[in-house]
Amino acid sequence: HGRFKNWSKEQMRTGEVPEMPKTWPTPLLELRLKTEAILDVRV
C-alpha cells in the first residue's frame, strides 16, 4: 500500500495524471491480491 501511494504521488508529480490515481497498476495489484489471498488462508 505504501508502494502504491508513492507510485500515485510520482504519477501526479511528473504530470502523467492531473490527480493521484486510485487504480492500482496491474503488476502491483496482482502482487497485492496474491498477498491478501495467502494472508486470508493463514488467518
PDB file of all heavy atoms in Angstrom:
ATOM      1  N   HIS A   1       0.841  -1.197   0.000  1.00  0.00           N
ATOM      2  CA  HIS A   1       0.000   0.000   0.000  1.00  0.00           C
ATOM      3  C   HIS A   1       0.880   1.253   0.000  1.00  0.00           C
ATOM      4  O   HIS A   1       0.538   2.261  -0.636  1.00  0.00           O
ATOM      5  CB  HIS A   1      -0.935  -0.002   1.216  1.00  0.00           C
ATOM      6  CG  HIS A   1      -2.167  -0.836   1.031  1.00  0.00           C
ATOM      7  ND1 HIS A   1      -3.292  -0.371   0.407  1.00  0.00           N
ATOM      8  CD2 HIS A   1      -2.429  -2.128   1.377  1.00  0.00           C
ATOM      9  CE1 HIS A   1      -4.214  -1.323   0.379  1.00  0.00           C
ATOM     10  NE2 HIS A   1      -3.710  -2.403   0.967  1.00  0.00           N
ATOM     11  N   GLY A   2       2.002   1.173   0.692  1.00  0.00           N
ATOM     12  CA  GLY A   2       2.937   2.292   0.692  1.00  0.00           C
ATOM     13  C   GLY A   2       3.539   2.510  -0.683  1.00  0.00           C
ATOM     14  O   GLY A   2       3.700   3.658  -1.135  1.00  0.00           O
ATOM     15  N   ARG A   3       3.856   1.401  -1.348  1.00  0.00           N
ATOM     16  CA  ARG A   3       4.416   1.498  -2.704  1.00  0.00           C
ATOM     17  C   ARG A   3       3.406   2.103  -3.673  1.00  0.00           C
ATOM     18  O   ARG A   3       3.754   2.917  -4.547  1.00  0.00           O
ATOM     19  CB  ARG A   3       4.847   0.108  -3.184  1.00  0.00           C
ATOM     20  CG  ARG A   3       6.099  -0.417  -2.506  1.00  0.00           C
ATOM     21  CD  ARG A   3       6.370  -1.859  -2.874  1.00  0.00           C
ATOM     22  NE  ARG A   3       6.538  -2.032  -4.340  1.00  0.00           N
ATOM     23  CZ  ARG A   3       6.749  -3.212  -4.926  1.00  0.00           C
ATOM     24  NH1 ARG A   3       6.823  -4.313  -4.165  1.00  0.00           N
ATOM     25  NH2 ARG A   3       6.883  -3.297  -6.228  1.00  0.00           N
ATOM     26  N   PHE A   4       2.147   1.734  -3.521  1.00  0.00           N
ATOM     27  CA  PHE A   4       1.116   2.283  -4.398  1.00  0.00           C
ATOM     28  C   PHE A   4       0.943   3.782  -4.150  1.00  0.00           C
ATOM     29  O   PHE A   4       0.805   4.572  -5.095  1.00  0.00           O
ATOM     30  CB  PHE A   4      -0.215   1.567  -4.170  1.00  0.00           C
ATOM     31  CG  PHE A   4      -1.381   2.236  -4.851  1.00  0.00           C
ATOM     32  CD1 PHE A   4      -1.472   2.258  -6.238  1.00  0.00           C
ATOM     33  CD2 PHE A   4      -2.374   2.872  -4.115  1.00  0.00           C
ATOM     34  CE1 PHE A   4      -2.536   2.883  -6.874  1.00  0.00           C
ATOM     35  CE2 PHE A   4      -3.435   3.505  -4.747  1.00  0.00           C
ATOM     36  CZ  PHE A   4      -3.524   3.509  -6.133  1.00  0.00           C
ATOM     37  N   LYS A   5       0.987   4.160  -2.886  1.00  0.00           N
ATOM     38  CA  LYS A   5       0.843   5.583  -2.553  1.00  0.00           C
ATOM     39  C   LYS A   5       1.989   6.397  -3.151  1.00  0.00           C
ATOM     40  O   LYS A   5       1.769   7.474  -3.722  1.00  0.00           O
ATOM     41  CB  LYS A   5       0.810   5.752  -1.031  1.00  0.00           C
ATOM     42  CG  LYS A   5       0.517   7.165  -0.580  1.00  0.00           C
ATOM     43  CD  LYS A   5       0.398   7.230   0.936  1.00  0.00           C
ATOM     44  CE  LYS A   5       0.068   8.641   1.392  1.00  0.00           C
ATOM     45  NZ  LYS A   5      -0.064   8.727   2.881  1.00  0.00           N
ATOM     46  N   ASN A   6       3.206   5.874  -3.030  1.00  0.00           N
ATOM     47  CA  ASN A   6       4.362   6.566  -3.613  1.00  0.00           C
ATOM     48  C   ASN A   6       4.269   6.626  -5.136  1.00  0.00           C
ATOM     49  O   ASN A   6       4.616   7.640  -5.756  1.00  0.00           O
ATOM     50  CB  ASN A   6       5.662   5.865  -3.195  1.00  0.00           C
ATOM     51  CG  ASN A   6       5.933   6.013  -1.716  1.00  0.00           C
ATOM     52  OD1 ASN A   6       5.470   6.974  -1.080  1.00  0.00           O
ATOM     53  ND2 ASN A   6       6.687   5.083  -1.155  1.00  0.00           N
ATOM     54  N   TRP A   7       3.813   5.529  -5.745  1.00  0.00           N
ATOM     55  CA  TRP A   7       3.650   5.498  -7.200  1.00  0.00           C
ATOM     56  C   TRP A   7       2.625   6.529  -7.654  1.00  0.00           C
ATOM     57  O   TRP A   7       2.815   7.228  -8.661  1.00  0.00           O
ATOM     58  CB  TRP A   7       3.225   4.095  -7.618  1.00  0.00           C
ATOM     59  CG  TRP A   7       2.885   3.963  -9.077  1.00  0.00           C
ATOM     60  CD1 TRP A   7       3.755   3.755 -10.105  1.00  0.00           C
ATOM     61  CD2 TRP A   7       1.576   4.054  -9.659  1.00  0.00           C
ATOM     62  NE1 TRP A   7       3.081   3.696 -11.305  1.00  0.00           N
ATOM     63  CE2 TRP A   7       1.737   3.881 -11.066  1.00  0.00           C
ATOM     64  CE3 TRP A   7       0.296   4.260  -9.150  1.00  0.00           C
ATOM     65  CZ2 TRP A   7       0.652   3.907 -11.945  1.00  0.00           C
ATOM     66  CZ3 TRP A   7      -0.769   4.287 -10.025  1.00  0.00           C
ATOM     67  CH2 TRP A   7      -0.597   4.121 -11.413  1.00  0.00           C
ATOM     68  N   SER A   8       1.509   6.634  -6.890  1.00  0.00           N
ATOM     69  CA  SER A   8       0.457   7.594  -7.234  1.00  0.00           C
ATOM     70  C   SER A   8       0.983   9.028  -7.168  1.00  0.00           C
ATOM     71  O   SER A   8       0.708   9.857  -8.056  1.00  0.00           O
ATOM     72  CB  SER A   8      -0.734   7.430  -6.281  1.00  0.00           C
ATOM     73  OG  SER A   8      -1.324   6.155  -6.416  1.00  0.00           O
ATOM     74  N   LYS A   9       1.754   9.316  -6.137  1.00  0.00           N
ATOM     75  CA  LYS A   9       2.314  10.669  -5.998  1.00  0.00           C
ATOM     76  C   LYS A   9       3.261  10.967  -7.156  1.00  0.00           C
ATOM     77  O   LYS A   9       3.268  12.078  -7.698  1.00  0.00           O
ATOM     78  CB  LYS A   9       3.068  10.783  -4.671  1.00  0.00           C
ATOM     79  CG  LYS A   9       2.184  10.827  -3.447  1.00  0.00           C
ATOM     80  CD  LYS A   9       3.023  10.966  -2.184  1.00  0.00           C
ATOM     81  CE  LYS A   9       2.150  11.038  -0.938  1.00  0.00           C
ATOM     82  NZ  LYS A   9       2.960  11.161   0.297  1.00  0.00           N
ATOM     83  N   GLU A  10       4.063   9.965  -7.532  1.00  0.00           N
ATOM     84  CA  GLU A  10       5.020  10.156  -8.614  1.00  0.00           C
ATOM     85  C   GLU A  10       4.300  10.384  -9.944  1.00  0.00           C
ATOM     86  O   GLU A  10       4.744  11.200 -10.773  1.00  0.00           O
ATOM     87  CB  GLU A  10       5.937   8.931  -8.713  1.00  0.00           C
ATOM     88  CG  GLU A  10       7.038   9.057  -9.736  1.00  0.00           C
ATOM     89  CD  GLU A  10       8.052  10.144  -9.400  1.00  0.00           C
ATOM     90  OE1 GLU A  10       8.061  10.634  -8.241  1.00  0.00           O
ATOM     91  OE2 GLU A  10       8.830  10.512 -10.306  1.00  0.00           O
ATOM     92  N   GLN A  11       3.204   9.664 -10.155  1.00  0.00           N
ATOM     93  CA  GLN A  11       2.430   9.847 -11.382  1.00  0.00           C
ATOM     94  C   GLN A  11       1.905  11.269 -11.501  1.00  0.00           C
ATOM     95  O   GLN A  11       1.953  11.884 -12.580  1.00  0.00           O
ATOM     96  CB  GLN A  11       1.245   8.860 -11.399  1.00  0.00           C
ATOM     97  CG  GLN A  11       1.639   7.419 -11.593  1.00  0.00           C
ATOM     98  CD  GLN A  11       2.168   7.151 -12.992  1.00  0.00           C
ATOM     99  OE1 GLN A  11       1.456   7.322 -13.993  1.00  0.00           O
ATOM    100  NE2 GLN A  11       3.428   6.729 -13.083  1.00  0.00           N
ATOM    101  N   MET A  12       1.434  11.820 -10.411  1.00  0.00           N
ATOM    102  CA  MET A  12       0.910  13.180 -10.425  1.00  0.00           C
ATOM    103  C   MET A  12       2.046  14.193 -10.504  1.00  0.00           C
ATOM    104  O   MET A  12       1.968  15.198 -11.226  1.00  0.00           O
ATOM    105  CB  MET A  12       0.050  13.439  -9.181  1.00  0.00           C
ATOM    106  CG  MET A  12      -0.651  14.806  -9.202  1.00  0.00           C
ATOM    107  SD  MET A  12      -1.735  15.058  -7.780  1.00  0.00           S
ATOM    108  CE  MET A  12      -0.556  15.102  -6.427  1.00  0.00           C
ATOM    109  N   ARG A  13       3.142  13.936  -9.780  1.00  0.00           N
ATOM    110  CA  ARG A  13       4.267  14.877  -9.735  1.00  0.00           C
ATOM    111  C   ARG A  13       4.918  15.048 -11.102  1.00  0.00           C
ATOM    112  O   ARG A  13       5.372  16.136 -11.469  1.00  0.00           O
ATOM    113  CB  ARG A  13       5.302  14.385  -8.717  1.00  0.00           C
ATOM    114  CG  ARG A  13       6.417  15.407  -8.423  1.00  0.00           C
ATOM    115  CD  ARG A  13       7.467  14.814  -7.527  1.00  0.00           C
ATOM    116  NE  ARG A  13       8.228  13.777  -8.214  1.00  0.00           N
ATOM    117  CZ  ARG A  13       9.232  14.018  -9.063  1.00  0.00           C
ATOM    118  NH1 ARG A  13       9.578  15.267  -9.346  1.00  0.00           N
ATOM    119  NH2 ARG A  13       9.874  13.023  -9.634  1.00  0.00           N
ATOM    120  N   THR A  14       4.955  13.953 -11.869  1.00  0.00           N
ATOM    121  CA  THR A  14       5.603  14.008 -13.185  1.00  0.00           C
ATOM    122  C   THR A  14       4.636  14.420 -14.301  1.00  0.00           C
ATOM    123  O   THR A  14       5.000  14.400 -15.484  1.00  0.00           O
ATOM    124  CB  THR A  14       6.211  12.638 -13.524  1.00  0.00           C
ATOM    125  OG1 THR A  14       5.176  11.639 -13.497  1.00  0.00           O
ATOM    126  CG2 THR A  14       7.309  12.269 -12.561  1.00  0.00           C
ATOM    127  N   GLY A  15       3.399  14.747 -13.906  1.00  0.00           N
ATOM    128  CA  GLY A  15       2.435  15.228 -14.892  1.00  0.00           C
ATOM    129  C   GLY A  15       1.798  14.154 -15.741  1.00  0.00           C
ATOM    130  O   GLY A  15       1.206  14.447 -16.780  1.00  0.00           O
ATOM    131  N   GLU A  16       1.905  12.903 -15.311  1.00  0.00           N
ATOM    132  CA  GLU A  16       1.278  11.819 -16.061  1.00  0.00           C
ATOM    133  C   GLU A  16      -0.243  11.859 -15.920  1.00  0.00           C
ATOM    134  O   GLU A  16      -0.980  11.437 -16.817  1.00  0.00           O
ATOM    135  CB  GLU A  16       1.818  10.464 -15.579  1.00  0.00           C
ATOM    136  CG  GLU A  16       3.301  10.262 -15.801  1.00  0.00           C
ATOM    137  CD  GLU A  16       3.643  10.214 -17.285  1.00  0.00           C
ATOM    138  OE1 GLU A  16       2.795   9.739 -18.070  1.00  0.00           O
ATOM    139  OE2 GLU A  16       4.756  10.648 -17.646  1.00  0.00           O
ATOM    140  N   VAL A  17      -0.697  12.328 -14.744  1.00  0.00           N
ATOM    141  CA  VAL A  17      -2.137  12.411 -14.477  1.00  0.00           C
ATOM    142  C   VAL A  17      -2.411  13.717 -13.749  1.00  0.00           C
ATOM    143  O   VAL A  17      -1.526  14.284 -13.092  1.00  0.00           O
ATOM    144  CB  VAL A  17      -2.615  11.219 -13.615  1.00  0.00           C
ATOM    145  CG1 VAL A  17      -2.553   9.909 -14.390  1.00  0.00           C
ATOM    146  CG2 VAL A  17      -1.780  11.117 -12.343  1.00  0.00           C
ATOM    147  N   PRO A  18      -3.673  14.249 -13.838  1.00  0.00           N
ATOM    148  CA  PRO A  18      -3.982  15.514 -13.195  1.00  0.00           C
ATOM    149  C   PRO A  18      -4.173  15.392 -11.685  1.00  0.00           C
ATOM    150  O   PRO A  18      -4.098  16.382 -10.957  1.00  0.00           O
ATOM    151  CB  PRO A  18      -5.276  15.952 -13.878  1.00  0.00           C
ATOM    152  CG  PRO A  18      -5.918  14.667 -14.293  1.00  0.00           C
ATOM    153  CD  PRO A  18      -4.776  13.769 -14.688  1.00  0.00           C
ATOM    154  N   GLU A  19      -4.415  14.193 -11.207  1.00  0.00           N
ATOM    155  CA  GLU A  19      -4.594  13.959  -9.766  1.00  0.00           C
ATOM    156  C   GLU A  19      -4.123  12.552  -9.439  1.00  0.00           C
ATOM    157  O   GLU A  19      -3.943  11.719 -10.341  1.00  0.00           O
ATOM    158  CB  GLU A  19      -6.062  14.127  -9.372  1.00  0.00           C
ATOM    159  CG  GLU A  19      -7.006  13.183 -10.091  1.00  0.00           C
ATOM    160  CD  GLU A  19      -8.451  13.405  -9.721  1.00  0.00           C
ATOM    161  OE1 GLU A  19      -8.780  14.465  -9.155  1.00  0.00           O
ATOM    162  OE2 GLU A  19      -9.266  12.489 -10.009  1.00  0.00           O
ATOM    163  N   MET A  20      -3.910  12.301  -8.139  1.00  0.00           N
ATOM    164  CA  MET A  20      -3.382  10.991  -7.728  1.00  0.00           C
ATOM    165  C   MET A  20      -4.335   9.877  -8.137  1.00  0.00           C
ATOM    166  O   MET A  20      -5.522   9.895  -7.776  1.00  0.00           O
ATOM    167  CB  MET A  20      -3.151  10.949  -6.210  1.00  0.00           C
ATOM    168  CG  MET A  20      -1.979  11.804  -5.746  1.00  0.00           C
ATOM    169  SD  MET A  20      -1.750  11.768  -3.946  1.00  0.00           S
ATOM    170  CE  MET A  20      -1.480  10.025  -3.686  1.00  0.00           C
ATOM    171  N   PRO A  21      -3.883   8.885  -8.905  1.00  0.00           N
ATOM    172  CA  PRO A  21      -4.751   7.784  -9.351  1.00  0.00           C
ATOM    173  C   PRO A  21      -5.146   6.860  -8.191  1.00  0.00           C
ATOM    174  O   PRO A  21      -4.409   6.688  -7.230  1.00  0.00           O
ATOM    175  CB  PRO A  21      -3.878   7.043 -10.366  1.00  0.00           C
ATOM    176  CG  PRO A  21      -2.479   7.353  -9.969  1.00  0.00           C
ATOM    177  CD  PRO A  21      -2.520   8.758  -9.436  1.00  0.00           C
ATOM    178  N   LYS A  22      -6.352   6.318  -8.313  1.00  0.00           N
ATOM    179  CA  LYS A  22      -6.848   5.384  -7.304  1.00  0.00           C
ATOM    180  C   LYS A  22      -6.807   3.943  -7.798  1.00  0.00           C
ATOM    181  O   LYS A  22      -7.013   3.013  -7.018  1.00  0.00           O
ATOM    182  CB  LYS A  22      -8.271   5.763  -6.917  1.00  0.00           C
ATOM    183  CG  LYS A  22      -8.382   7.134  -6.255  1.00  0.00           C
ATOM    184  CD  LYS A  22      -9.823   7.439  -5.871  1.00  0.00           C
ATOM    185  CE  LYS A  22      -9.920   8.811  -5.205  1.00  0.00           C
ATOM    186  NZ  LYS A  22     -11.322   9.163  -4.826  1.00  0.00           N
ATOM    187  N   THR A  23      -6.561   3.767  -9.065  1.00  0.00           N
ATOM    188  CA  THR A  23      -6.484   2.420  -9.638  1.00  0.00           C
ATOM    189  C   THR A  23      -5.047   1.910  -9.598  1.00  0.00           C
ATOM    190  O   THR A  23      -4.129   2.585 -10.047  1.00  0.00           O
ATOM    191  CB  THR A  23      -6.975   2.424 -11.093  1.00  0.00           C
ATOM    192  OG1 THR A  23      -8.321   2.913 -11.133  1.00  0.00           O
ATOM    193  CG2 THR A  23      -6.920   1.017 -11.681  1.00  0.00           C
ATOM    194  N   TRP A  24      -4.882   0.709  -9.075  1.00  0.00           N
ATOM    195  CA  TRP A  24      -3.546   0.124  -8.944  1.00  0.00           C
ATOM    196  C   TRP A  24      -3.034  -0.342 -10.299  1.00  0.00           C
ATOM    197  O   TRP A  24      -3.803  -0.888 -11.103  1.00  0.00           O
ATOM    198  CB  TRP A  24      -3.600  -1.071  -7.995  1.00  0.00           C
ATOM    199  CG  TRP A  24      -3.767  -0.718  -6.541  1.00  0.00           C
ATOM    200  CD1 TRP A  24      -4.746   0.038  -5.985  1.00  0.00           C
ATOM    201  CD2 TRP A  24      -2.923  -1.138  -5.472  1.00  0.00           C
ATOM    202  NE1 TRP A  24      -4.593   0.130  -4.629  1.00  0.00           N
ATOM    203  CE2 TRP A  24      -3.469  -0.593  -4.275  1.00  0.00           C
ATOM    204  CE3 TRP A  24      -1.770  -1.908  -5.383  1.00  0.00           C
ATOM    205  CZ2 TRP A  24      -2.908  -0.799  -3.024  1.00  0.00           C
ATOM    206  CZ3 TRP A  24      -1.201  -2.129  -4.126  1.00  0.00           C
ATOM    207  CH2 TRP A  24      -1.759  -1.564  -2.970  1.00  0.00           C
ATOM    208  N   PRO A  25      -1.731  -0.170 -10.542  1.00  0.00           N
ATOM    209  CA  PRO A  25      -1.150  -0.733 -11.764  1.00  0.00           C
ATOM    210  C   PRO A  25      -1.182  -2.256 -11.673  1.00  0.00           C
ATOM    211  O   PRO A  25      -1.046  -2.835 -10.593  1.00  0.00           O
ATOM    212  CB  PRO A  25       0.280  -0.190 -11.753  1.00  0.00           C
ATOM    213  CG  PRO A  25       0.571   0.103 -10.317  1.00  0.00           C
ATOM    214  CD  PRO A  25      -0.736   0.550  -9.730  1.00  0.00           C
ATOM    215  N   THR A  26      -1.363  -2.918 -12.818  1.00  0.00           N
ATOM    216  CA  THR A  26      -1.581  -4.379 -12.840  1.00  0.00           C
ATOM    217  C   THR A  26      -0.529  -5.190 -12.075  1.00  0.00           C
ATOM    218  O   THR A  26      -0.884  -6.049 -11.254  1.00  0.00           O
ATOM    219  CB  THR A  26      -1.665  -4.874 -14.299  1.00  0.00           C
ATOM    220  OG1 THR A  26      -2.771  -4.216 -14.946  1.00  0.00           O
ATOM    221  CG2 THR A  26      -1.874  -6.371 -14.352  1.00  0.00           C
ATOM    222  N   PRO A  27       0.771  -4.992 -12.284  1.00  0.00           N
ATOM    223  CA  PRO A  27       1.765  -5.816 -11.563  1.00  0.00           C
ATOM    224  C   PRO A  27       1.642  -5.673 -10.039  1.00  0.00           C
ATOM    225  O   PRO A  27       1.719  -6.667  -9.300  1.00  0.00           O
ATOM    226  CB  PRO A  27       3.106  -5.278 -12.060  1.00  0.00           C
ATOM    227  CG  PRO A  27       2.791  -4.666 -13.390  1.00  0.00           C
ATOM    228  CD  PRO A  27       1.432  -4.065 -13.230  1.00  0.00           C
ATOM    229  N   LEU A  28       1.447  -4.435  -9.594  1.00  0.00           N
ATOM    230  CA  LEU A  28       1.345  -4.194  -8.152  1.00  0.00           C
ATOM    231  C   LEU A  28       0.029  -4.739  -7.610  1.00  0.00           C
ATOM    232  O   LEU A  28      -0.022  -5.286  -6.497  1.00  0.00           O
ATOM    233  CB  LEU A  28       1.457  -2.692  -7.873  1.00  0.00           C
ATOM    234  CG  LEU A  28       1.886  -2.282  -6.460  1.00  0.00           C
ATOM    235  CD1 LEU A  28       3.240  -2.886  -6.118  1.00  0.00           C
ATOM    236  CD2 LEU A  28       1.942  -0.756  -6.354  1.00  0.00           C
ATOM    237  N   LEU A  29      -1.041  -4.606  -8.386  1.00  0.00           N
ATOM    238  CA  LEU A  29      -2.348  -5.119  -7.970  1.00  0.00           C
ATOM    239  C   LEU A  29      -2.310  -6.629  -7.824  1.00  0.00           C
ATOM    240  O   LEU A  29      -2.815  -7.189  -6.845  1.00  0.00           O
ATOM    241  CB  LEU A  29      -3.411  -4.723  -8.993  1.00  0.00           C
ATOM    242  CG  LEU A  29      -4.815  -5.313  -8.751  1.00  0.00           C
ATOM    243  CD1 LEU A  29      -5.373  -4.842  -7.418  1.00  0.00           C
ATOM    244  CD2 LEU A  29      -5.752  -4.948  -9.899  1.00  0.00           C
ATOM    245  N   GLU A  30      -1.714  -7.308  -8.792  1.00  0.00           N
ATOM    246  CA  GLU A  30      -1.644  -8.774  -8.722  1.00  0.00           C
ATOM    247  C   GLU A  30      -0.839  -9.236  -7.514  1.00  0.00           C
ATOM    248  O   GLU A  30      -1.198 -10.211  -6.855  1.00  0.00           O
ATOM    249  CB  GLU A  30      -1.038  -9.316 -10.019  1.00  0.00           C
ATOM    250  CG  GLU A  30      -1.950  -9.157 -11.227  1.00  0.00           C
ATOM    251  CD  GLU A  30      -1.370  -9.801 -12.465  1.00  0.00           C
ATOM    252  OE1 GLU A  30      -0.182 -10.207 -12.429  1.00  0.00           O
ATOM    253  OE2 GLU A  30      -2.105  -9.909 -13.479  1.00  0.00           O
ATOM    254  N   LEU A  31       0.233  -8.528  -7.225  1.00  0.00           N
ATOM    255  CA  LEU A  31       1.047  -8.872  -6.065  1.00  0.00           C
ATOM    256  C   LEU A  31       0.247  -8.670  -4.774  1.00  0.00           C
ATOM    257  O   LEU A  31       0.318  -9.482  -3.851  1.00  0.00           O
ATOM    258  CB  LEU A  31       2.313  -8.007  -6.047  1.00  0.00           C
ATOM    259  CG  LEU A  31       3.373  -8.347  -5.002  1.00  0.00           C
ATOM    260  CD1 LEU A  31       3.803  -9.812  -5.129  1.00  0.00           C
ATOM    261  CD2 LEU A  31       4.574  -7.424  -5.151  1.00  0.00           C
ATOM    262  N   ARG A  32      -0.549  -7.579  -4.724  1.00  0.00           N
ATOM    263  CA  ARG A  32      -1.392  -7.320  -3.551  1.00  0.00           C
ATOM    264  C   ARG A  32      -2.452  -8.401  -3.379  1.00  0.00           C
ATOM    265  O   ARG A  32      -2.680  -8.910  -2.277  1.00  0.00           O
ATOM    266  CB  ARG A  32      -2.062  -5.966  -3.693  1.00  0.00           C
ATOM    267  CG  ARG A  32      -2.777  -5.495  -2.429  1.00  0.00           C
ATOM    268  CD  ARG A  32      -3.783  -4.401  -2.724  1.00  0.00           C
ATOM    269  NE  ARG A  32      -5.037  -4.961  -3.201  1.00  0.00           N
ATOM    270  CZ  ARG A  32      -6.002  -4.250  -3.789  1.00  0.00           C
ATOM    271  NH1 ARG A  32      -5.817  -2.944  -4.026  1.00  0.00           N
ATOM    272  NH2 ARG A  32      -7.119  -4.827  -4.168  1.00  0.00           N
ATOM    273  N   LEU A  33      -3.094  -8.774  -4.481  1.00  0.00           N
ATOM    274  CA  LEU A  33      -4.156  -9.785  -4.423  1.00  0.00           C
ATOM    275  C   LEU A  33      -3.628 -11.137  -3.953  1.00  0.00           C
ATOM    276  O   LEU A  33      -4.262 -11.833  -3.164  1.00  0.00           O
ATOM    277  CB  LEU A  33      -4.812  -9.920  -5.802  1.00  0.00           C
ATOM    278  CG  LEU A  33      -5.651  -8.721  -6.257  1.00  0.00           C
ATOM    279  CD1 LEU A  33      -6.056  -8.888  -7.729  1.00  0.00           C
ATOM    280  CD2 LEU A  33      -6.885  -8.544  -5.377  1.00  0.00           C
ATOM    281  N   LYS A  34      -2.445 -11.522  -4.449  1.00  0.00           N
ATOM    282  CA  LYS A  34      -1.839 -12.786  -4.019  1.00  0.00           C
ATOM    283  C   LYS A  34      -1.495 -12.750  -2.540  1.00  0.00           C
ATOM    284  O   LYS A  34      -1.696 -13.732  -1.811  1.00  0.00           O
ATOM    285  CB  LYS A  34      -0.581 -13.067  -4.850  1.00  0.00           C
ATOM    286  CG  LYS A  34      -0.865 -13.389  -6.304  1.00  0.00           C
ATOM    287  CD  LYS A  34       0.431 -13.594  -7.087  1.00  0.00           C
ATOM    288  CE  LYS A  34       0.149 -13.890  -8.558  1.00  0.00           C
ATOM    289  NZ  LYS A  34       1.396 -14.052  -9.347  1.00  0.00           N
ATOM    290  N   THR A  35      -0.963 -11.614  -2.093  1.00  0.00           N
ATOM    291  CA  THR A  35      -0.609 -11.463  -0.675  1.00  0.00           C
ATOM    292  C   THR A  35      -1.856 -11.521   0.201  1.00  0.00           C
ATOM    293  O   THR A  35      -1.860 -12.170   1.255  1.00  0.00           O
ATOM    294  CB  THR A  35       0.132 -10.130  -0.446  1.00  0.00           C
ATOM    295  OG1 THR A  35       1.293 -10.085  -1.285  1.00  0.00           O
ATOM    296  CG2 THR A  35       0.557  -9.988   1.007  1.00  0.00           C
ATOM    297  N   GLU A  36      -2.912 -10.865  -0.232  1.00  0.00           N
ATOM    298  CA  GLU A  36      -4.169 -10.884   0.526  1.00  0.00           C
ATOM    299  C   GLU A  36      -4.742 -12.293   0.604  1.00  0.00           C
ATOM    300  O   GLU A  36      -5.238 -12.714   1.659  1.00  0.00           O
ATOM    301  CB  GLU A  36      -5.185  -9.948  -0.143  1.00  0.00           C
ATOM    302  CG  GLU A  36      -4.871  -8.477   0.024  1.00  0.00           C
ATOM    303  CD  GLU A  36      -5.809  -7.586  -0.761  1.00  0.00           C
ATOM    304  OE1 GLU A  36      -6.371  -8.055  -1.781  1.00  0.00           O
ATOM    305  OE2 GLU A  36      -5.970  -6.413  -0.385  1.00  0.00           O
ATOM    306  N   ALA A  37      -4.674 -13.013  -0.507  1.00  0.00           N
ATOM    307  CA  ALA A  37      -5.223 -14.369  -0.532  1.00  0.00           C
ATOM    308  C   ALA A  37      -4.487 -15.288   0.436  1.00  0.00           C
ATOM    309  O   ALA A  37      -5.103 -16.023   1.216  1.00  0.00           O
ATOM    310  CB  ALA A  37      -5.132 -14.925  -1.960  1.00  0.00           C
ATOM    311  N   ILE A  38      -3.167 -15.238   0.394  1.00  0.00           N
ATOM    312  CA  ILE A  38      -2.377 -16.099   1.280  1.00  0.00           C
ATOM    313  C   ILE A  38      -2.581 -15.695   2.737  1.00  0.00           C
ATOM    314  O   ILE A  38      -2.702 -16.547   3.622  1.00  0.00           O
ATOM    315  CB  ILE A  38      -0.887 -16.040   0.894  1.00  0.00           C
ATOM    316  CG1 ILE A  38      -0.702 -16.593  -0.519  1.00  0.00           C
ATOM    317  CG2 ILE A  38      -0.043 -16.845   1.885  1.00  0.00           C
ATOM    318  CD1 ILE A  38       0.706 -16.440  -1.064  1.00  0.00           C
ATOM    319  N   LEU A  39      -2.650 -14.395   2.991  1.00  0.00           N
ATOM    320  CA  LEU A  39      -2.911 -13.917   4.350  1.00  0.00           C
ATOM    321  C   LEU A  39      -4.251 -14.432   4.851  1.00  0.00           C
ATOM    322  O   LEU A  39      -4.359 -14.902   5.992  1.00  0.00           O
ATOM    323  CB  LEU A  39      -2.895 -12.388   4.378  1.00  0.00           C
ATOM    324  CG  LEU A  39      -3.388 -11.723   5.679  1.00  0.00           C
ATOM    325  CD1 LEU A  39      -2.535 -12.159   6.861  1.00  0.00           C
ATOM    326  CD2 LEU A  39      -3.392 -10.206   5.531  1.00  0.00           C
ATOM    327  N   ASP A  40      -5.273 -14.381   4.007  1.00  0.00           N
ATOM    328  CA  ASP A  40      -6.606 -14.827   4.413  1.00  0.00           C
ATOM    329  C   ASP A  40      -6.622 -16.325   4.737  1.00  0.00           C
ATOM    330  O   ASP A  40      -7.292 -16.762   5.680  1.00  0.00           O
ATOM    331  CB  ASP A  40      -7.618 -14.519   3.314  1.00  0.00           C
ATOM    332  CG  ASP A  40      -7.858 -13.019   3.164  1.00  0.00           C
ATOM    333  OD1 ASP A  40      -7.432 -12.268   4.064  1.00  0.00           O
ATOM    334  OD2 ASP A  40      -8.472 -12.615   2.156  1.00  0.00           O
ATOM    335  N   VAL A  41      -5.866 -17.122   3.978  1.00  0.00           N
ATOM    336  CA  VAL A  41      -5.793 -18.555   4.253  1.00  0.00           C
ATOM    337  C   VAL A  41      -5.033 -18.811   5.556  1.00  0.00           C
ATOM    338  O   VAL A  41      -5.416 -19.667   6.357  1.00  0.00           O
ATOM    339  CB  VAL A  41      -5.132 -19.312   3.082  1.00  0.00           C
ATOM    340  CG1 VAL A  41      -4.892 -20.783   3.453  1.00  0.00           C
ATOM    341  CG2 VAL A  41      -6.012 -19.221   1.841  1.00  0.00           C
ATOM    342  N   ARG A  42      -3.955 -18.052   5.791  1.00  0.00           N
ATOM    343  CA  ARG A  42      -3.204 -18.208   7.035  1.00  0.00           C
ATOM    344  C   ARG A  42      -4.080 -17.863   8.251  1.00  0.00           C
ATOM    345  O   ARG A  42      -4.029 -18.528   9.284  1.00  0.00           O
ATOM    346  CB  ARG A  42      -1.967 -17.304   7.029  1.00  0.00           C
ATOM    347  CG  ARG A  42      -0.925 -17.576   5.955  1.00  0.00           C
ATOM    348  CD  ARG A  42      -0.195 -18.907   6.168  1.00  0.00           C
ATOM    349  NE  ARG A  42      -0.846 -20.009   5.504  1.00  0.00           N
ATOM    350  CZ  ARG A  42      -0.632 -20.375   4.251  1.00  0.00           C
ATOM    351  NH1 ARG A  42       0.235 -19.719   3.504  1.00  0.00           N
ATOM    352  NH2 ARG A  42      -1.253 -21.413   3.740  1.00  0.00           N
ATOM    353  N   VAL A  43      -4.909 -16.817   8.123  1.00  0.00           N
ATOM    354  CA  VAL A  43      -5.831 -16.440   9.206  1.00  0.00           C
ATOM    355  C   VAL A  43      -6.843 -17.553   9.437  1.00  0.00           C
ATOM    356  O   VAL A  43      -7.180 -17.887  10.572  1.00  0.00           O
ATOM    357  CB  VAL A  43      -6.556 -15.120   8.870  1.00  0.00           C
ATOM    358  CG1 VAL A  43      -7.692 -14.859   9.859  1.00  0.00           C
ATOM    359  CG2 VAL A  43      -5.570 -13.951   8.895  1.00  0.00           C
TER     360      VAL A  43
END
